[in-house]
Amino acid sequence: MTKFKYEWKLSDGYPATGVNQHNSTVFTTFSCGGGSSMGYKLAGYNVIAANDIDPNMQKIYEVNHHPAKYFLNDIRELIDRTDLPDVDLLDSSPPCSVFSMAGYREKGWGVEKKFKEGQKKQTLDDLFFETIKLVDKIRPKVFVGENVMGIIRGNAKKYAHEIVKRLDSLGYTTQVFVLNGADMGLPQRRERVFFIANRLNKTINLQFNEQHVTFSDVSDENDNTENLTDLYKEYWDLASPGKSVGKFKAVRKLDYTKVPNTLVASHVNHHPRFKRTLNNKELFKIGSWPEDYNFLDQKPNYVIGMSVPPMMMAYVADEIYKQLLS
């Protein structure tokens, strides 16, 4: 039985059952709707401050997490503040569209653009380096940076090398891990890169071998709704389980026998039996989000797709505590 669950409620409280509250403190940046924060809390941490540039995410975060401190601003503006918390761990998940293999990639590097998050013109490929400036200022015992697989592929590898180089220059021991949420029992094939750096002169070993959870384990078989357009019903009829629905390749008809594909903010995958998109009940389980989370006026698939799955972060955070901080 897994330590952390993909099906749970906020009302269950923190930390997760069987996990001790140890109160190692966390400051989470690019906090979005709170996926990472919930992971740390489930693993017994005390998340004392959060940051994001998007006021919509701030509203969601505050109504669900009630943070002691919330900084609504560009990460670049944090460096000059005098009220930043002294914490054991600094967490960061910078926007990843410019590194995603399905995103802007090289075309977006160095380009100032107005992105949906915060509706402010900014370049995204330097946000990781701006966060490292924050590491230097706060000097946490541990830094955790999460991003997409694309940051270690192709020309983007230079960014990954520079991230490690800059953290090492600050006196941190830096390791890079490629982790898949499916190996932690998450019902989602979500591969992500984790940069884990510490100034304790230690190393960490991260290996997860939980049983994979397939779509058959999380499917809502009681919902036989049909909400696809006539065109997408035709596409759905032609698609085999696990394959793309339609000509744009992005939307998939899931396969009962396989771990569901990565949840993304831009679209929702299709059910293999019923001609519908995944419903919220299924999205919550696949994303390991609590079923009583208050998304206010935001679409759950957008917030969940933008965030680190709580269950995934809980497993990583638990090992960080046991191997580095305890």
C-alpha atoms as a PDB file:
ATOM      1  CA  MET A   1       0.000   0.000   0.000  1.00  0.00           C
ATOM      2  CA  THR A   2       1.395   3.387  -1.002  1.00  0.00           C
ATOM      3  CA  LYS A   3       2.258   5.969   1.647  1.00  0.00           C
ATOM      4  CA  PHE A   4       0.610   8.809  -0.275  1.00  0.00           C
ATOM      5  CA  LYS A   5      -2.770   8.502  -1.986  1.00  0.00           C
ATOM      6  CA  TYR A   6      -4.136   9.789  -5.280  1.00  0.00           C
ATOM      7  CA  GLU A   7      -7.663   9.832  -3.836  1.00  0.00           C
ATOM      8  CA  TRP A   8      -8.077  12.072  -0.790  1.00  0.00           C
ATOM      9  CA  LYS A   9      -9.704  15.211   0.647  1.00  0.00           C
ATOM     10  CA  LEU A  10      -8.413  18.463   2.108  1.00  0.00           C
ATOM     11  CA  SER A  11     -10.637  17.698   5.067  1.00  0.00           C
ATOM     12  CA  ASP A  12      -8.417  14.660   5.756  1.00  0.00           C
ATOM     13  CA  GLY A  13      -5.826  17.170   6.982  1.00  0.00           C
ATOM     14  CA  TYR A  14      -2.036  17.184   6.868  1.00  0.00           C
ATOM     15  CA  PRO A  15       0.312  15.352   6.961  1.00  0.00           C
ATOM     16  CA  ALA A  16      -0.692  12.103   5.264  1.00  0.00           C
ATOM     17  CA  THR A  17      -1.695   9.170   7.452  1.00  0.00           C
ATOM     18  CA  GLY A  18       1.388   7.554   8.965  1.00  0.00           C
ATOM     19  CA  VAL A  19       3.655  10.538   8.256  1.00  0.00           C
ATOM     20  CA  ASN A  20       5.077  12.589  11.120  1.00  0.00           C
ATOM     21  CA  GLN A  21       4.838  16.386  11.243  1.00  0.00           C
ATOM     22  CA  HIS A  22       8.430  17.595  11.390  1.00  0.00           C
ATOM     23  CA  ASN A  23       7.913  21.289  10.583  1.00  0.00           C
ATOM     24  CA  SER A  24      10.785  21.746   8.169  1.00  0.00           C
ATOM     25  CA  THR A  25       9.840  25.039   6.532  1.00  0.00           C
ATOM     26  CA  VAL A  26       9.173  25.696   2.857  1.00  0.00           C
ATOM     27  CA  PHE A  27       8.902  28.787   0.659  1.00  0.00           C
ATOM     28  CA  THR A  28       7.295  27.801  -2.640  1.00  0.00           C
ATOM     29  CA  THR A  29       7.653  30.005  -5.724  1.00  0.00           C
ATOM     30  CA  PHE A  30       5.565  29.707  -8.905  1.00  0.00           C
ATOM     31  CA  SER A  31       3.090  28.090  -6.530  1.00  0.00           C
ATOM     32  CA  CYS A  32       0.166  28.073  -9.004  1.00  0.00           C
ATOM     33  CA  GLY A  33      -2.865  26.388  -7.449  1.00  0.00           C
ATOM     34  CA  GLY A  34      -0.863  24.678  -4.723  1.00  0.00           C
ATOM     35  CA  GLY A  35       0.090  21.256  -6.096  1.00  0.00           C
ATOM     36  CA  SER A  36       3.635  21.373  -4.719  1.00  0.00           C
ATOM     37  CA  SER A  37       2.454  22.910  -1.463  1.00  0.00           C
ATOM     38  CA  MET A  38       0.059  20.040  -0.836  1.00  0.00           C
ATOM     39  CA  GLY A  39       2.840  17.572  -1.524  1.00  0.00           C
ATOM     40  CA  TYR A  40       5.116  19.173   1.056  1.00  0.00           C
ATOM     41  CA  LYS A  41       2.305  19.373   3.589  1.00  0.00           C
ATOM     42  CA  LEU A  42       1.399  15.719   3.083  1.00  0.00           C
ATOM     43  CA  ALA A  43       5.059  14.884   3.777  1.00  0.00           C
ATOM     44  CA  GLY A  44       5.001  16.782   7.084  1.00  0.00           C
ATOM     45  CA  TYR A  45       6.505  20.130   6.056  1.00  0.00           C
ATOM     46  CA  ASN A  46       5.289  23.567   7.074  1.00  0.00           C
ATOM     47  CA  VAL A  47       4.749  25.716   3.963  1.00  0.00           C
ATOM     48  CA  ILE A  48       5.068  29.224   5.380  1.00  0.00           C
ATOM     49  CA  ALA A  49       5.149  31.361   2.224  1.00  0.00           C
ATOM     50  CA  ALA A  50       4.133  31.226  -1.431  1.00  0.00           C
ATOM     51  CA  ASN A  51       4.693  33.272  -4.571  1.00  0.00           C
ATOM     52  CA  ASP A  52       3.074  33.549  -7.975  1.00  0.00           C
ATOM     53  CA  ILE A  53       2.521  36.261 -10.563  1.00  0.00           C
ATOM     54  CA  ASP A  54      -1.066  35.277 -11.413  1.00  0.00           C
ATOM     55  CA  PRO A  55      -3.776  36.922  -9.233  1.00  0.00           C
ATOM     56  CA  ASN A  56      -6.223  34.155 -10.164  1.00  0.00           C
ATOM     57  CA  MET A  57      -3.837  31.563  -8.745  1.00  0.00           C
ATOM     58  CA  GLN A  58      -3.367  33.728  -5.663  1.00  0.00           C
ATOM     59  CA  LYS A  59      -7.112  33.647  -4.982  1.00  0.00           C
ATOM     60  CA  ILE A  60      -7.273  29.878  -5.328  1.00  0.00           C
ATOM     61  CA  TYR A  61      -4.159  29.375  -3.233  1.00  0.00           C
ATOM     62  CA  GLU A  62      -5.279  31.618  -0.407  1.00  0.00           C
ATOM     63  CA  VAL A  63      -8.797  30.169  -0.134  1.00  0.00           C
ATOM     64  CA  ASN A  64      -7.418  26.615   0.083  1.00  0.00           C
ATOM     65  CA  HIS A  65      -4.121  27.109   1.955  1.00  0.00           C
ATOM     66  CA  HIS A  66      -4.375  30.322   4.013  1.00  0.00           C
ATOM     67  CA  PRO A  67      -0.630  31.083   3.789  1.00  0.00           C
ATOM     68  CA  ALA A  68       1.070  33.225   6.413  1.00  0.00           C
ATOM     69  CA  LYS A  69       2.755  35.131   3.574  1.00  0.00           C
ATOM     70  CA  TYR A  70       1.896  35.411  -0.112  1.00  0.00           C
ATOM     71  CA  PHE A  71       3.975  37.412  -2.577  1.00  0.00           C
ATOM     72  CA  LEU A  72       2.011  38.355  -5.706  1.00  0.00           C
ATOM     73  CA  ASN A  73       4.776  39.449  -8.048  1.00  0.00           C
ATOM     74  CA  ASP A  74       7.334  38.501 -10.663  1.00  0.00           C
ATOM     75  CA  ILE A  75      10.098  36.337  -9.206  1.00  0.00           C
ATOM     76  CA  ARG A  76      12.546  39.054 -10.279  1.00  0.00           C
ATOM     77  CA  GLU A  77      10.933  41.462  -7.813  1.00  0.00           C
ATOM     78  CA  LEU A  78      11.471  39.201  -4.813  1.00  0.00           C
ATOM     79  CA  ILE A  79      15.221  39.711  -4.708  1.00  0.00           C
ATOM     80  CA  ASP A  80      14.962  43.255  -3.347  1.00  0.00           C
ATOM     81  CA  ARG A  81      12.410  42.516  -0.634  1.00  0.00           C
ATOM     82  CA  THR A  82      13.412  42.622   3.008  1.00  0.00           C
ATOM     83  CA  ASP A  83      10.559  40.468   4.331  1.00  0.00           C
ATOM     84  CA  LEU A  84      11.452  37.128   2.751  1.00  0.00           C
ATOM     85  CA  PRO A  85      11.228  34.107   5.059  1.00  0.00           C
ATOM     86  CA  ASP A  86      14.173  32.121   6.359  1.00  0.00           C
ATOM     87  CA  VAL A  87      13.357  28.541   5.356  1.00  0.00           C
ATOM     88  CA  ASP A  88      14.827  25.069   5.198  1.00  0.00           C
ATOM     89  CA  LEU A  89      13.695  24.484   1.607  1.00  0.00           C
ATOM     90  CA  LEU A  90      13.060  26.754  -1.374  1.00  0.00           C
ATOM     91  CA  ASP A  91      10.786  25.239  -4.011  1.00  0.00           C
ATOM     92  CA  SER A  92      10.473  26.417  -7.616  1.00  0.00           C
ATOM     93  CA  SER A  93       8.598  25.228 -10.708  1.00  0.00           C
ATOM     94  CA  PRO A  94       9.131  27.948 -13.342  1.00  0.00           C
ATOM     95  CA  PRO A  95       6.751  28.039 -16.355  1.00  0.00           C
ATOM     96  CA  CYS A  96       7.952  25.418 -18.805  1.00  0.00           C
ATOM     97  CA  SER A  97       6.374  26.188 -22.200  1.00  0.00           C
ATOM     98  CA  VAL A  98       9.678  27.425 -23.657  1.00  0.00           C
ATOM     99  CA  PHE A  99      11.329  24.089 -22.801  1.00  0.00           C
ATOM    100  CA  SER A 100       8.445  21.722 -23.497  1.00  0.00           C
ATOM    101  CA  MET A 101       8.909  19.544 -26.579  1.00  0.00           C
ATOM    102  CA  ALA A 102       5.321  20.506 -27.450  1.00  0.00           C
ATOM    103  CA  GLY A 103       5.857  24.195 -26.728  1.00  0.00           C
ATOM    104  CA  TYR A 104       7.788  27.195 -28.035  1.00  0.00           C
ATOM    105  CA  ARG A 105      11.284  25.728 -27.539  1.00  0.00           C
ATOM    106  CA  GLU A 106      14.050  27.780 -29.191  1.00  0.00           C
ATOM    107  CA  LYS A 107      11.575  30.213 -30.773  1.00  0.00           C
ATOM    108  CA  GLY A 108      10.608  31.412 -27.306  1.00  0.00           C
ATOM    109  CA  TRP A 109      14.084  31.781 -25.803  1.00  0.00           C
ATOM    110  CA  GLY A 110      14.916  35.378 -24.985  1.00  0.00           C
ATOM    111  CA  VAL A 111      11.575  36.592 -26.348  1.00  0.00           C
ATOM    112  CA  GLU A 112       9.507  38.962 -24.228  1.00  0.00           C
ATOM    113  CA  LYS A 113       5.862  38.035 -24.535  1.00  0.00           C
ATOM    114  CA  LYS A 114       2.631  38.475 -22.631  1.00  0.00           C
ATOM    115  CA  PHE A 115       1.786  35.062 -21.221  1.00  0.00           C
ATOM    116  CA  LYS A 116      -1.542  34.108 -19.672  1.00  0.00           C
ATOM    117  CA  GLU A 117      -0.014  33.713 -16.218  1.00  0.00           C
ATOM    118  CA  GLY A 118      -0.218  37.191 -14.699  1.00  0.00           C
ATOM    119  CA  GLN A 119      -0.849  38.901 -18.029  1.00  0.00           C
ATOM    120  CA  LYS A 120       2.578  40.529 -17.910  1.00  0.00           C
ATOM    121  CA  LYS A 121       5.233  40.741 -20.595  1.00  0.00           C
ATOM    122  CA  GLN A 122       8.203  38.628 -19.597  1.00  0.00           C
ATOM    123  CA  THR A 123      10.807  36.198 -20.854  1.00  0.00           C
ATOM    124  CA  LEU A 124      10.455  32.696 -19.440  1.00  0.00           C
ATOM    125  CA  ASP A 125      13.751  30.996 -20.187  1.00  0.00           C
ATOM    126  CA  ASP A 126      15.659  33.034 -17.575  1.00  0.00           C
ATOM    127  CA  LEU A 127      13.243  32.469 -14.678  1.00  0.00           C
ATOM    128  CA  PHE A 128      15.236  29.515 -13.359  1.00  0.00           C
ATOM    129  CA  PHE A 129      18.311  31.733 -13.121  1.00  0.00           C
ATOM    130  CA  GLU A 130      16.304  34.427 -11.357  1.00  0.00           C
ATOM    131  CA  THR A 131      15.243  31.790  -8.830  1.00  0.00           C
ATOM    132  CA  ILE A 132      18.891  30.868  -8.258  1.00  0.00           C
ATOM    133  CA  LYS A 133      19.517  34.504  -7.284  1.00  0.00           C
ATOM    134  CA  LEU A 134      16.848  33.962  -4.656  1.00  0.00           C
ATOM    135  CA  VAL A 135      18.667  30.823  -3.491  1.00  0.00           C
ATOM    136  CA  ASP A 136      21.781  32.933  -2.985  1.00  0.00           C
ATOM    137  CA  LYS A 137      19.830  35.501  -0.978  1.00  0.00           C
ATOM    138  CA  ILE A 138      17.810  33.160   1.253  1.00  0.00           C
ATOM    139  CA  ARG A 139      20.436  30.380   1.514  1.00  0.00           C
ATOM    140  CA  PRO A 140      18.001  27.517   2.199  1.00  0.00           C
ATOM    141  CA  LYS A 141      19.435  24.174   3.227  1.00  0.00           C
ATOM    142  CA  VAL A 142      17.782  22.586   0.193  1.00  0.00           C
ATOM    143  CA  PHE A 143      16.609  23.897  -3.177  1.00  0.00           C
ATOM    144  CA  VAL A 144      14.169  21.955  -5.355  1.00  0.00           C
ATOM    145  CA  GLY A 145      13.596  23.024  -8.968  1.00  0.00           C
ATOM    146  CA  GLU A 146      11.125  21.132 -11.154  1.00  0.00           C
ATOM    147  CA  ASN A 147      10.660  21.354 -14.912  1.00  0.00           C
ATOM    148  CA  VAL A 148       9.732  19.426 -18.054  1.00  0.00           C
ATOM    149  CA  MET A 149      11.881  16.805 -19.765  1.00  0.00           C
ATOM    150  CA  GLY A 150      12.618  19.234 -22.576  1.00  0.00           C
ATOM    151  CA  ILE A 151      15.044  21.178 -20.382  1.00  0.00           C
ATOM    152  CA  ILE A 152      17.589  18.348 -20.669  1.00  0.00           C
ATOM    153  CA  ARG A 153      17.033  17.660 -24.370  1.00  0.00           C
ATOM    154  CA  GLY A 154      18.521  19.188 -27.494  1.00  0.00           C
ATOM    155  CA  ASN A 155      19.799  22.728 -27.311  1.00  0.00           C
ATOM    156  CA  ALA A 156      18.061  23.244 -23.963  1.00  0.00           C
ATOM    157  CA  LYS A 157      20.708  21.087 -22.279  1.00  0.00           C
ATOM    158  CA  LYS A 158      22.866  24.201 -22.065  1.00  0.00           C
ATOM    159  CA  TYR A 159      20.293  25.663 -19.671  1.00  0.00           C
ATOM    160  CA  ALA A 160      20.405  22.551 -17.490  1.00  0.00           C
ATOM    161  CA  HIS A 161      24.207  22.624 -17.390  1.00  0.00           C
ATOM    162  CA  GLU A 162      24.178  26.314 -16.471  1.00  0.00           C
ATOM    163  CA  ILE A 163      21.621  25.734 -13.701  1.00  0.00           C
ATOM    164  CA  VAL A 164      23.875  23.114 -12.116  1.00  0.00           C
ATOM    165  CA  LYS A 165      26.967  25.284 -12.608  1.00  0.00           C
ATOM    166  CA  ARG A 166      25.394  28.293 -10.894  1.00  0.00           C
ATOM    167  CA  LEU A 167      24.045  26.287  -7.960  1.00  0.00           C
ATOM    168  CA  ASP A 168      27.411  24.598  -7.491  1.00  0.00           C
ATOM    169  CA  SER A 169      29.125  27.998  -7.511  1.00  0.00           C
ATOM    170  CA  LEU A 170      26.982  28.976  -4.525  1.00  0.00           C
ATOM    171  CA  GLY A 171      28.339  26.063  -2.517  1.00  0.00           C
ATOM    172  CA  TYR A 172      25.490  23.641  -3.172  1.00  0.00           C
ATOM    173  CA  THR A 173      25.761  19.972  -4.052  1.00  0.00           C
ATOM    174  CA  THR A 174      23.476  19.630  -7.062  1.00  0.00           C
ATOM    175  CA  GLN A 175      21.887  16.489  -8.487  1.00  0.00           C
ATOM    176  CA  VAL A 176      19.522  16.107 -11.432  1.00  0.00           C
ATOM    177  CA  PHE A 177      16.830  13.432 -11.463  1.00  0.00           C
ATOM    178  CA  VAL A 178      14.380  12.285 -14.127  1.00  0.00           C
ATOM    179  CA  LEU A 179      11.313  11.029 -12.276  1.00  0.00           C
ATOM    180  CA  ASN A 180       8.021   9.545 -13.431  1.00  0.00           C
ATOM    181  CA  GLY A 181       4.933   9.970 -11.278  1.00  0.00           C
ATOM    182  CA  ALA A 182       3.693   6.551 -12.409  1.00  0.00           C
ATOM    183  CA  ASP A 183       6.551   4.956 -10.444  1.00  0.00           C
ATOM    184  CA  MET A 184       5.166   6.587  -7.293  1.00  0.00           C
ATOM    185  CA  GLY A 185       1.688   5.118  -7.774  1.00  0.00           C
ATOM    186  CA  LEU A 186       0.338   8.265  -9.454  1.00  0.00           C
ATOM    187  CA  PRO A 187      -2.274   7.365 -12.130  1.00  0.00           C
ATOM    188  CA  GLN A 188      -0.390   9.519 -14.627  1.00  0.00           C
ATOM    189  CA  ARG A 189       2.668   9.096 -16.840  1.00  0.00           C
ATOM    190  CA  ARG A 190       4.187  12.400 -15.808  1.00  0.00           C
ATOM    191  CA  GLU A 191       7.931  12.602 -16.409  1.00  0.00           C
ATOM    192  CA  ARG A 192       9.661  15.597 -14.878  1.00  0.00           C
ATOM    193  CA  VAL A 193      13.191  16.781 -14.197  1.00  0.00           C
ATOM    194  CA  PHE A 194      14.084  17.660 -10.600  1.00  0.00           C
ATOM    195  CA  PHE A 195      17.137  19.734  -9.721  1.00  0.00           C
ATOM    196  CA  ILE A 196      17.855  19.040  -6.054  1.00  0.00           C
ATOM    197  CA  ALA A 197      20.628  21.059  -4.442  1.00  0.00           C
ATOM    198  CA  ASN A 198      21.747  21.220  -0.823  1.00  0.00           C
ATOM    199  CA  ARG A 199      24.436  23.038   1.169  1.00  0.00           C
ATOM    200  CA  LEU A 200      24.735  20.209   3.700  1.00  0.00           C
ATOM    201  CA  ASN A 201      27.437  18.393   1.723  1.00  0.00           C
ATOM    202  CA  LYS A 202      25.146  15.399   1.238  1.00  0.00           C
ATOM    203  CA  THR A 203      23.772  13.424  -1.697  1.00  0.00           C
ATOM    204  CA  ILE A 204      20.337  11.893  -2.128  1.00  0.00           C
ATOM    205  CA  ASN A 205      19.159   8.740  -3.851  1.00  0.00           C
ATOM    206  CA  LEU A 206      15.710   8.816  -5.452  1.00  0.00           C
ATOM    207  CA  GLN A 207      14.224   5.564  -6.701  1.00  0.00           C
ATOM    208  CA  PHE A 208      10.519   4.776  -6.673  1.00  0.00           C
ATOM    209  CA  ASN A 209       8.969   1.431  -7.512  1.00  0.00           C
ATOM    210  CA  GLU A 210       5.301   1.650  -6.555  1.00  0.00           C
ATOM    211  CA  GLN A 211       2.808  -0.420  -8.540  1.00  0.00           C
ATOM    212  CA  HIS A 212       1.525   1.369 -11.633  1.00  0.00           C
ATOM    213  CA  VAL A 213      -2.106   2.484 -11.592  1.00  0.00           C
ATOM    214  CA  THR A 214      -3.994   2.140 -14.884  1.00  0.00           C
ATOM    215  CA  PHE A 215      -6.991   4.089 -16.132  1.00  0.00           C
ATOM    216  CA  SER A 216      -9.259   1.159 -15.231  1.00  0.00           C
ATOM    217  CA  ASP A 217      -8.491   1.943 -11.568  1.00  0.00           C
ATOM    218  CA  VAL A 218      -9.676   5.559 -11.782  1.00  0.00           C
ATOM    219  CA  SER A 219     -12.385   5.509 -14.464  1.00  0.00           C
ATOM    220  CA  ASP A 220     -15.844   6.735 -13.496  1.00  0.00           C
ATOM    221  CA  GLU A 221     -17.944   4.032 -15.126  1.00  0.00           C
ATOM    222  CA  ASN A 222     -21.165   5.585 -13.841  1.00  0.00           C
ATOM    223  CA  ASP A 223     -20.795   8.651 -16.054  1.00  0.00           C
ATOM    224  CA  ASN A 224     -22.045   7.723 -19.532  1.00  0.00           C
ATOM    225  CA  THR A 225     -22.436  11.347 -20.616  1.00  0.00           C
ATOM    226  CA  GLU A 226     -21.696  12.235 -24.237  1.00  0.00           C
ATOM    227  CA  ASN A 227     -20.234  15.739 -24.521  1.00  0.00           C
ATOM    228  CA  LEU A 228     -18.114  15.526 -27.666  1.00  0.00           C
ATOM    229  CA  THR A 229     -18.968  17.506 -30.781  1.00  0.00           C
ATOM    230  CA  ASP A 230     -20.241  15.556 -33.777  1.00  0.00           C
ATOM    231  CA  LEU A 231     -16.833  15.924 -35.447  1.00  0.00           C
ATOM    232  CA  TYR A 232     -14.971  14.642 -32.410  1.00  0.00           C
ATOM    233  CA  LYS A 233     -17.411  11.737 -32.074  1.00  0.00           C
ATOM    234  CA  GLU A 234     -16.314  10.718 -35.563  1.00  0.00           C
ATOM    235  CA  TYR A 235     -12.657  11.098 -34.561  1.00  0.00           C
ATOM    236  CA  TRP A 236     -13.336   9.132 -31.370  1.00  0.00           C
ATOM    237  CA  ASP A 237     -14.868   6.261 -33.372  1.00  0.00           C
ATOM    238  CA  LEU A 238     -11.743   6.039 -35.523  1.00  0.00           C
ATOM    239  CA  ALA A 239      -9.240   6.192 -32.650  1.00  0.00           C
ATOM    240  CA  SER A 240      -7.918   3.096 -30.908  1.00  0.00           C
ATOM    241  CA  PRO A 241      -7.395   3.216 -27.119  1.00  0.00           C
ATOM    242  CA  GLY A 242      -4.180   5.048 -26.321  1.00  0.00           C
ATOM    243  CA  LYS A 243      -4.104   6.825 -29.687  1.00  0.00           C
ATOM    244  CA  SER A 244      -4.730  10.416 -30.741  1.00  0.00           C
ATOM    245  CA  VAL A 245      -8.278  11.606 -31.369  1.00  0.00           C
ATOM    246  CA  GLY A 246      -8.342  13.874 -34.404  1.00  0.00           C
ATOM    247  CA  LYS A 247      -5.631  15.290 -36.606  1.00  0.00           C
ATOM    248  CA  PHE A 248      -3.790  17.500 -34.117  1.00  0.00           C
ATOM    249  CA  LYS A 249      -2.377  14.599 -32.039  1.00  0.00           C
ATOM    250  CA  ALA A 250      -2.802  16.414 -28.718  1.00  0.00           C
ATOM    251  CA  VAL A 251      -6.018  14.790 -27.480  1.00  0.00           C
ATOM    252  CA  ARG A 252      -5.924  11.074 -26.696  1.00  0.00           C
ATOM    253  CA  LYS A 253      -8.467   8.341 -26.098  1.00  0.00           C
ATOM    254  CA  LEU A 254      -7.147   6.696 -22.957  1.00  0.00           C
ATOM    255  CA  ASP A 255      -6.459   2.980 -22.600  1.00  0.00           C
ATOM    256  CA  TYR A 256      -7.973   1.062 -19.679  1.00  0.00           C
ATOM    257  CA  THR A 257      -4.849  -1.116 -19.420  1.00  0.00           C
ATOM    258  CA  LYS A 258      -2.279   1.698 -19.301  1.00  0.00           C
ATOM    259  CA  VAL A 259      -1.308   4.518 -16.952  1.00  0.00           C
ATOM    260  CA  PRO A 260      -3.106   7.683 -18.158  1.00  0.00           C
ATOM    261  CA  ASN A 261      -1.184  10.247 -20.178  1.00  0.00           C
ATOM    262  CA  THR A 262       0.131  13.473 -18.658  1.00  0.00           C
ATOM    263  CA  LEU A 263      -2.576  15.961 -17.742  1.00  0.00           C
ATOM    264  CA  VAL A 264      -2.038  19.300 -19.462  1.00  0.00           C
ATOM    265  CA  ALA A 265      -3.704  22.671 -19.022  1.00  0.00           C
ATOM    266  CA  SER A 266      -4.739  23.169 -22.643  1.00  0.00           C
ATOM    267  CA  HIS A 267      -7.051  20.210 -23.256  1.00  0.00           C
ATOM    268  CA  VAL A 268      -8.720  17.179 -21.670  1.00  0.00           C
ATOM    269  CA  ASN A 269      -8.271  13.617 -22.930  1.00  0.00           C
ATOM    270  CA  HIS A 270     -11.168  11.331 -23.849  1.00  0.00           C
ATOM    271  CA  HIS A 271     -12.687   8.337 -22.119  1.00  0.00           C
ATOM    272  CA  PRO A 272     -12.154   4.978 -23.906  1.00  0.00           C
ATOM    273  CA  ARG A 273     -15.722   3.726 -23.426  1.00  0.00           C
ATOM    274  CA  PHE A 274     -17.929   6.816 -23.375  1.00  0.00           C
ATOM    275  CA  LYS A 275     -17.871   9.634 -25.926  1.00  0.00           C
ATOM    276  CA  ARG A 276     -16.855  12.290 -23.456  1.00  0.00           C
ATOM    277  CA  THR A 277     -13.883  14.069 -22.023  1.00  0.00           C
ATOM    278  CA  LEU A 278     -12.603  12.988 -18.642  1.00  0.00           C
ATOM    279  CA  ASN A 279     -14.810  14.317 -15.859  1.00  0.00           C
ATOM    280  CA  ASN A 280     -13.594  16.146 -12.757  1.00  0.00           C
ATOM    281  CA  LYS A 281     -13.756  13.024 -10.609  1.00  0.00           C
ATOM    282  CA  GLU A 282     -11.310  11.314 -12.952  1.00  0.00           C
ATOM    283  CA  LEU A 283      -9.107  14.396 -13.323  1.00  0.00           C
ATOM    284  CA  PHE A 284      -8.780  14.742  -9.549  1.00  0.00           C
ATOM    285  CA  LYS A 285      -7.618  11.128  -9.189  1.00  0.00           C
ATOM    286  CA  ILE A 286      -5.224  11.265 -12.139  1.00  0.00           C
ATOM    287  CA  GLY A 287      -3.748  14.506 -10.808  1.00  0.00           C
ATOM    288  CA  SER A 288      -3.900  13.331  -7.145  1.00  0.00           C
ATOM    289  CA  TRP A 289      -5.837  16.486  -6.215  1.00  0.00           C
ATOM    290  CA  PRO A 290      -8.271  16.457  -3.285  1.00  0.00           C
ATOM    291  CA  GLU A 291     -11.875  16.085  -4.367  1.00  0.00           C
ATOM    292  CA  ASP A 292     -12.987  18.955  -2.118  1.00  0.00           C
ATOM    293  CA  TYR A 293     -10.501  21.499  -3.511  1.00  0.00           C
ATOM    294  CA  ASN A 294     -12.064  24.890  -4.242  1.00  0.00           C
ATOM    295  CA  PHE A 295     -11.117  25.979  -7.778  1.00  0.00           C
ATOM    296  CA  LEU A 296     -13.308  29.094  -7.596  1.00  0.00           C
ATOM    297  CA  ASP A 297     -13.995  30.214 -11.183  1.00  0.00           C
ATOM    298  CA  GLN A 298     -11.020  28.422 -12.750  1.00  0.00           C
ATOM    299  CA  LYS A 299     -11.272  25.213 -14.762  1.00  0.00           C
ATOM    300  CA  PRO A 300      -9.879  22.305 -12.733  1.00  0.00           C
ATOM    301  CA  ASN A 301      -8.049  20.812 -15.728  1.00  0.00           C
ATOM    302  CA  TYR A 302      -6.182  24.110 -16.243  1.00  0.00           C
ATOM    303  CA  VAL A 303      -5.030  24.409 -12.643  1.00  0.00           C
ATOM    304  CA  ILE A 304      -4.200  20.707 -12.285  1.00  0.00           C
ATOM    305  CA  GLY A 305      -2.351  20.640 -15.599  1.00  0.00           C
ATOM    306  CA  MET A 306      -0.269  23.662 -14.614  1.00  0.00           C
ATOM    307  CA  SER A 307       0.721  22.245 -11.229  1.00  0.00           C
ATOM    308  CA  VAL A 308       2.989  19.557  -9.821  1.00  0.00           C
ATOM    309  CA  PRO A 309       0.865  16.569  -8.700  1.00  0.00           C
ATOM    310  CA  PRO A 310       0.654  16.618  -4.878  1.00  0.00           C
ATOM    311  CA  MET A 311       1.327  12.888  -4.647  1.00  0.00           C
ATOM    312  CA  MET A 312       4.456  13.182  -6.791  1.00  0.00           C
ATOM    313  CA  MET A 313       5.879  16.024  -4.736  1.00  0.00           C
ATOM    314  CA  ALA A 314       4.988  14.247  -1.494  1.00  0.00           C
ATOM    315  CA  TYR A 315       7.142  11.261  -2.403  1.00  0.00           C
ATOM    316  CA  VAL A 316      10.082  13.465  -3.405  1.00  0.00           C
ATOM    317  CA  ALA A 317       9.717  15.704  -0.340  1.00  0.00           C
ATOM    318  CA  ASP A 318       9.514  12.719   1.994  1.00  0.00           C
ATOM    319  CA  GLU A 319      12.855  11.413   0.735  1.00  0.00           C
ATOM    320  CA  ILE A 320      14.425  14.873   0.932  1.00  0.00           C
ATOM    321  CA  TYR A 321      13.479  15.066   4.579  1.00  0.00           C
ATOM    322  CA  LYS A 322      14.657  11.559   5.436  1.00  0.00           C
ATOM    323  CA  GLN A 323      17.945  11.746   3.516  1.00  0.00           C
ATOM    324  CA  LEU A 324      18.906  15.422   3.782  1.00  0.00           C
ATOM    325  CA  LEU A 325      17.028  17.327   6.477  1.00  0.00           C
ATOM    326  CA  SER A 326      16.204  14.896   9.276  1.00  0.00           C
END
